[in-house]
Amino acid sequence: MPMPVSWEEELIAGAHWSATIRRGTTLRLTARDDDANLAALFYSREQPLERYNMADTLKAQHTAHLTTGFVCYSDMGRILCSITADSCGWHDPLCGLTHAASIAAQYGATRFQEQRNARYVSGREAMLVELGKYGLGERDLVANINFFSKVVADEAGCLSLVAGHAKAGQFVELRFEMDTLVLLHAGPHPLDARTRYAPSGFLIQSRTSAPVAADDVCRIRCPENTRGFINTERYCAP
């Protein structure tokens, strides 16, 4: 039976957020609207030079998308977090962040002087603001995950976003296996073709995780994950 929620917070549409999430904590991220997208980055809290590695995450698990049973690897072969539940079914690890120029071209230019916090912030700007709170910067910006977004490739290899994939109320749960600095931005996906700026907000809920069982779905998904859990448990041992 899941543990009770220890705290929760609303991430409003277009906003960005960060926090240190401790090992043994589960975050549930719930979309408030249809066609949601939530950009995420993960860094080791103890040593931020160790951070989420997209290439290792996909290569080790023989995949090009993320859902229940997959984990997010650091560039040291350890597991930052595991996807333990997912009602959406597909999350994009490939397409990166929006840029200020693309946001202005697609949705119109906005400025803080006029729109204040309602201005349109790109994913890249949002992540740099959050990184700066921890003494990190542009050189620490790496490939991110776009939760709640599904992309497909055509015969020529061109990617497109699947409209209508995410529905309001769908969620993903992340169990953290290391003390992790988590950065989130509730902004449009880079391939979102809509001309109206309409990102979704999210509910963030935290609770204590149950101990990782020997037959945990993430641990036994593939031999690489079993080794990843062993590496992580040794690193985090008292």
Protein backbone atom coordinates (compact mmCIF):
# COMPACT_ATOMS: atom_id res chain seq x y z
CA MET A 1 0.00 0.00 0.00
CA PRO A 2 1.48 3.40 -0.98
CA MET A 3 2.69 5.68 1.79
CA PRO A 4 0.69 8.87 2.43
CA VAL A 5 1.61 12.07 0.61
CA SER A 6 4.17 14.03 2.65
CA TRP A 7 3.88 17.25 0.65
CA GLU A 8 2.46 18.53 -2.61
CA GLU A 9 2.91 21.60 -4.79
CA GLU A 10 1.30 23.07 -7.88
CA LEU A 11 3.58 23.86 -10.82
CA ILE A 12 1.63 26.38 -12.87
CA ALA A 13 1.65 26.30 -16.66
CA GLY A 14 4.81 27.86 -18.09
CA ALA A 15 6.65 27.86 -14.76
CA HIS A 16 9.89 26.17 -13.71
CA TRP A 17 10.84 24.47 -10.44
CA SER A 18 13.70 22.67 -8.73
CA ALA A 19 14.38 20.83 -5.48
CA THR A 20 16.62 18.24 -3.89
CA ILE A 21 14.78 14.91 -3.71
CA ARG A 22 16.29 12.40 -1.31
CA ARG A 23 16.96 8.73 -1.95
CA GLY A 24 13.92 6.72 -0.93
CA THR A 25 11.42 9.37 -2.07
CA THR A 26 8.81 8.99 -4.80
CA LEU A 27 7.48 11.93 -6.79
CA ARG A 28 4.13 11.67 -8.57
CA LEU A 29 3.79 14.17 -11.44
CA THR A 30 0.19 14.64 -12.60
CA ALA A 31 -0.84 16.59 -15.71
CA ARG A 32 -3.57 19.16 -15.16
CA ASP A 33 -4.47 19.50 -18.86
CA ASP A 34 -4.43 17.56 -22.13
CA ASP A 35 -1.34 17.64 -24.38
CA ALA A 36 0.95 18.22 -21.42
CA ASN A 37 4.74 18.38 -21.58
CA LEU A 38 7.10 18.47 -18.62
CA ALA A 39 10.82 18.91 -19.28
CA ALA A 40 13.06 17.35 -16.62
CA LEU A 41 16.75 17.22 -15.75
CA PHE A 42 18.46 15.24 -12.98
CA TYR A 43 21.81 15.80 -11.23
CA SER A 44 23.50 14.04 -8.31
CA ARG A 45 23.05 16.26 -5.28
CA GLU A 46 26.36 15.13 -3.80
CA GLN A 47 28.37 15.80 -6.97
CA PRO A 48 26.43 17.61 -9.75
CA LEU A 49 29.11 16.71 -12.30
CA GLU A 50 27.35 13.36 -12.23
CA ARG A 51 24.08 13.89 -14.08
CA TYR A 52 21.39 12.21 -16.19
CA ASN A 53 22.84 10.69 -19.35
CA MET A 54 20.38 10.22 -22.19
CA ALA A 55 22.64 8.04 -24.33
CA ASP A 56 23.46 5.58 -21.54
CA THR A 57 19.83 5.46 -20.39
CA LEU A 58 18.57 4.48 -23.84
CA LYS A 59 21.49 2.22 -24.83
CA ALA A 60 21.53 0.21 -21.60
CA GLN A 61 17.79 -0.45 -21.77
CA HIS A 62 17.53 -0.95 -25.55
CA THR A 63 14.82 1.68 -25.98
CA ALA A 64 13.97 5.03 -27.57
CA HIS A 65 11.20 5.96 -25.13
CA LEU A 66 10.58 5.73 -21.39
CA THR A 67 7.73 4.27 -19.33
CA THR A 68 7.16 1.96 -16.33
CA GLY A 69 10.13 -0.29 -15.63
CA PHE A 70 12.78 1.99 -17.09
CA VAL A 71 15.36 3.90 -15.06
CA CYS A 72 17.29 7.12 -15.58
CA TYR A 73 21.05 6.50 -15.57
CA SER A 74 23.77 8.92 -14.63
CA ASP A 75 26.97 9.14 -16.64
CA MET A 76 28.64 7.05 -13.89
CA GLY A 77 26.42 4.01 -14.49
CA ARG A 78 24.31 4.66 -11.41
CA ILE A 79 20.54 5.08 -11.25
CA LEU A 80 19.21 8.50 -10.32
CA CYS A 81 15.54 7.52 -10.42
CA SER A 82 13.22 4.74 -11.59
CA ILE A 83 9.84 4.99 -13.33
CA THR A 84 7.66 2.84 -11.07
CA ALA A 85 4.19 3.81 -12.36
CA ASP A 86 2.94 5.52 -15.50
CA SER A 87 -0.60 6.03 -16.77
CA CYS A 88 0.56 7.89 -19.88
CA GLY A 89 2.68 5.09 -21.37
CA TRP A 90 5.30 6.94 -23.40
CA HIS A 91 7.76 9.73 -22.59
CA ASP A 92 10.19 11.41 -24.98
CA PRO A 93 13.92 11.36 -24.14
CA LEU A 94 15.11 12.64 -27.53
CA CYS A 95 13.87 16.07 -28.54
CA GLY A 96 15.46 18.48 -26.07
CA LEU A 97 14.33 21.93 -24.99
CA THR A 98 12.71 24.91 -26.66
CA HIS A 99 14.79 28.04 -27.32
CA ALA A 100 13.85 31.70 -26.86
CA ALA A 101 13.94 32.36 -30.61
CA SER A 102 11.64 29.45 -31.43
CA ILE A 103 9.18 30.40 -28.69
CA ALA A 104 9.02 34.01 -29.95
CA ALA A 105 8.63 32.92 -33.57
CA GLN A 106 5.82 30.47 -32.80
CA TYR A 107 3.86 32.23 -30.07
CA GLY A 108 4.89 35.88 -30.28
CA ALA A 109 7.46 37.94 -28.41
CA THR A 110 6.88 38.75 -24.74
CA ARG A 111 8.94 40.67 -22.20
CA PHE A 112 9.09 40.66 -18.43
CA GLN A 113 8.62 44.44 -18.41
CA GLU A 114 5.10 44.05 -19.82
CA GLN A 115 3.95 40.48 -19.07
CA ARG A 116 5.90 39.91 -15.82
CA ASN A 117 5.73 36.24 -14.81
CA ALA A 118 3.20 35.55 -17.57
CA ARG A 119 5.84 36.02 -20.26
CA TYR A 120 6.70 33.02 -22.42
CA VAL A 121 9.85 31.33 -21.12
CA SER A 122 11.69 28.76 -23.21
CA GLY A 123 12.84 25.45 -21.80
CA ARG A 124 16.47 26.44 -22.15
CA GLU A 125 15.95 29.72 -20.26
CA ALA A 126 13.96 27.96 -17.54
CA MET A 127 16.58 25.31 -16.92
CA LEU A 128 19.41 27.85 -16.84
CA VAL A 129 17.54 29.89 -14.21
CA GLU A 130 17.13 26.80 -12.03
CA LEU A 131 20.72 25.64 -12.58
CA GLY A 132 21.98 29.05 -11.48
CA LYS A 133 20.43 28.55 -8.04
CA TYR A 134 22.95 25.76 -7.40
CA GLY A 135 26.07 27.35 -8.88
CA LEU A 136 25.61 25.54 -12.20
CA GLY A 137 25.33 27.05 -15.66
CA GLU A 138 25.24 26.62 -19.41
CA ARG A 139 28.01 24.04 -19.53
CA ASP A 140 25.94 21.84 -17.21
CA LEU A 141 22.90 21.81 -19.51
CA VAL A 142 22.48 18.30 -20.95
CA ALA A 143 19.85 16.37 -22.90
CA ASN A 144 16.59 16.26 -20.95
CA ILE A 145 13.46 14.12 -20.74
CA ASN A 146 10.10 15.45 -21.98
CA PHE A 147 7.58 13.64 -19.82
CA PHE A 148 4.03 13.13 -21.19
CA SER A 149 5.13 13.64 -24.82
CA LYS A 150 5.27 10.97 -27.53
CA VAL A 151 7.24 11.38 -30.75
CA VAL A 152 7.30 9.08 -33.78
CA ALA A 153 9.61 8.82 -36.77
CA ASP A 154 8.51 8.64 -40.41
CA GLU A 155 10.22 6.66 -43.19
CA ALA A 156 12.75 9.46 -43.69
CA GLY A 157 13.63 9.50 -40.00
CA CYS A 158 11.90 12.84 -39.29
CA LEU A 159 10.33 13.11 -35.84
CA SER A 160 6.87 14.48 -35.11
CA LEU A 161 4.89 14.98 -31.92
CA VAL A 162 1.77 12.85 -31.44
CA ALA A 163 -1.07 15.29 -30.65
CA GLY A 164 -3.58 14.16 -28.04
CA HIS A 165 -1.20 11.65 -26.44
CA ALA A 166 -1.35 13.01 -22.89
CA LYS A 167 -4.65 13.51 -21.08
CA ALA A 168 -5.49 15.57 -18.02
CA GLY A 169 -5.10 13.46 -14.87
CA GLN A 170 -2.44 11.14 -16.23
CA PHE A 171 0.63 10.71 -14.05
CA VAL A 172 4.12 9.32 -13.84
CA GLU A 173 5.87 8.23 -10.64
CA LEU A 174 9.62 8.57 -10.13
CA ARG A 175 11.33 6.72 -7.28
CA PHE A 176 14.68 8.29 -6.45
CA GLU A 177 17.58 5.92 -5.89
CA MET A 178 20.11 8.69 -5.13
CA ASP A 179 19.90 12.15 -3.57
CA THR A 180 19.04 14.06 -6.73
CA LEU A 181 18.69 17.66 -7.82
CA VAL A 182 15.50 17.74 -9.91
CA LEU A 183 14.71 20.51 -12.42
CA LEU A 184 11.28 20.81 -14.09
CA HIS A 185 9.73 23.14 -16.66
CA ALA A 186 6.03 23.06 -17.57
CA GLY A 187 6.43 24.39 -21.10
CA PRO A 188 5.64 23.35 -24.68
CA HIS A 189 7.44 20.47 -26.38
CA PRO A 190 9.91 21.62 -29.08
CA LEU A 191 7.82 19.89 -31.79
CA ASP A 192 4.45 21.22 -30.59
CA ALA A 193 2.77 22.61 -33.72
CA ARG A 194 0.12 24.70 -31.95
CA THR A 195 0.31 28.44 -32.56
CA ARG A 196 -1.33 29.33 -29.23
CA TYR A 197 0.85 29.18 -26.12
CA ALA A 198 -1.08 26.75 -23.92
CA PRO A 199 1.18 24.55 -21.75
CA SER A 200 -0.21 22.42 -18.94
CA GLY A 201 0.31 22.84 -15.24
CA PHE A 202 1.21 19.90 -12.98
CA LEU A 203 0.61 18.63 -9.49
CA ILE A 204 3.80 17.46 -7.75
CA GLN A 205 3.32 15.06 -4.84
CA SER A 206 5.99 13.46 -2.65
CA ARG A 207 5.86 10.38 -0.47
CA THR A 208 8.29 7.90 1.10
CA SER A 209 9.09 4.99 -1.21
CA ALA A 210 8.67 1.37 -0.26
CA PRO A 211 11.97 -0.59 -0.11
CA VAL A 212 13.17 -1.87 -3.50
CA ALA A 213 12.26 -5.56 -3.68
CA ALA A 214 14.43 -8.22 -5.29
CA ASP A 215 11.78 -8.65 -8.01
CA ASP A 216 11.19 -4.91 -8.51
CA VAL A 217 9.99 -4.26 -12.07
CA CYS A 218 12.74 -1.70 -12.72
CA ARG A 219 15.49 -3.80 -11.18
CA ILE A 220 14.77 -6.97 -13.17
CA ARG A 221 13.81 -5.37 -16.47
CA CYS A 222 17.23 -6.20 -17.96
CA PRO A 223 20.64 -7.35 -16.69
CA GLU A 224 22.01 -3.82 -17.12
CA ASN A 225 19.44 -2.49 -14.65
CA THR A 226 20.29 -5.17 -12.09
CA ARG A 227 23.94 -4.11 -12.28
CA GLY A 228 22.91 -0.45 -12.13
CA PHE A 229 21.01 -1.02 -8.87
CA ILE A 230 23.98 -2.86 -7.38
CA ASN A 231 26.32 0.00 -8.34
CA THR A 232 23.94 2.54 -6.85
CA GLU A 233 23.35 0.63 -3.60
CA ARG A 234 27.09 0.22 -3.05
CA TYR A 235 27.63 3.94 -3.65
CA CYS A 236 24.86 4.92 -1.23
CA ALA A 237 25.71 2.38 1.48
CA PRO A 238 26.50 3.88 4.92
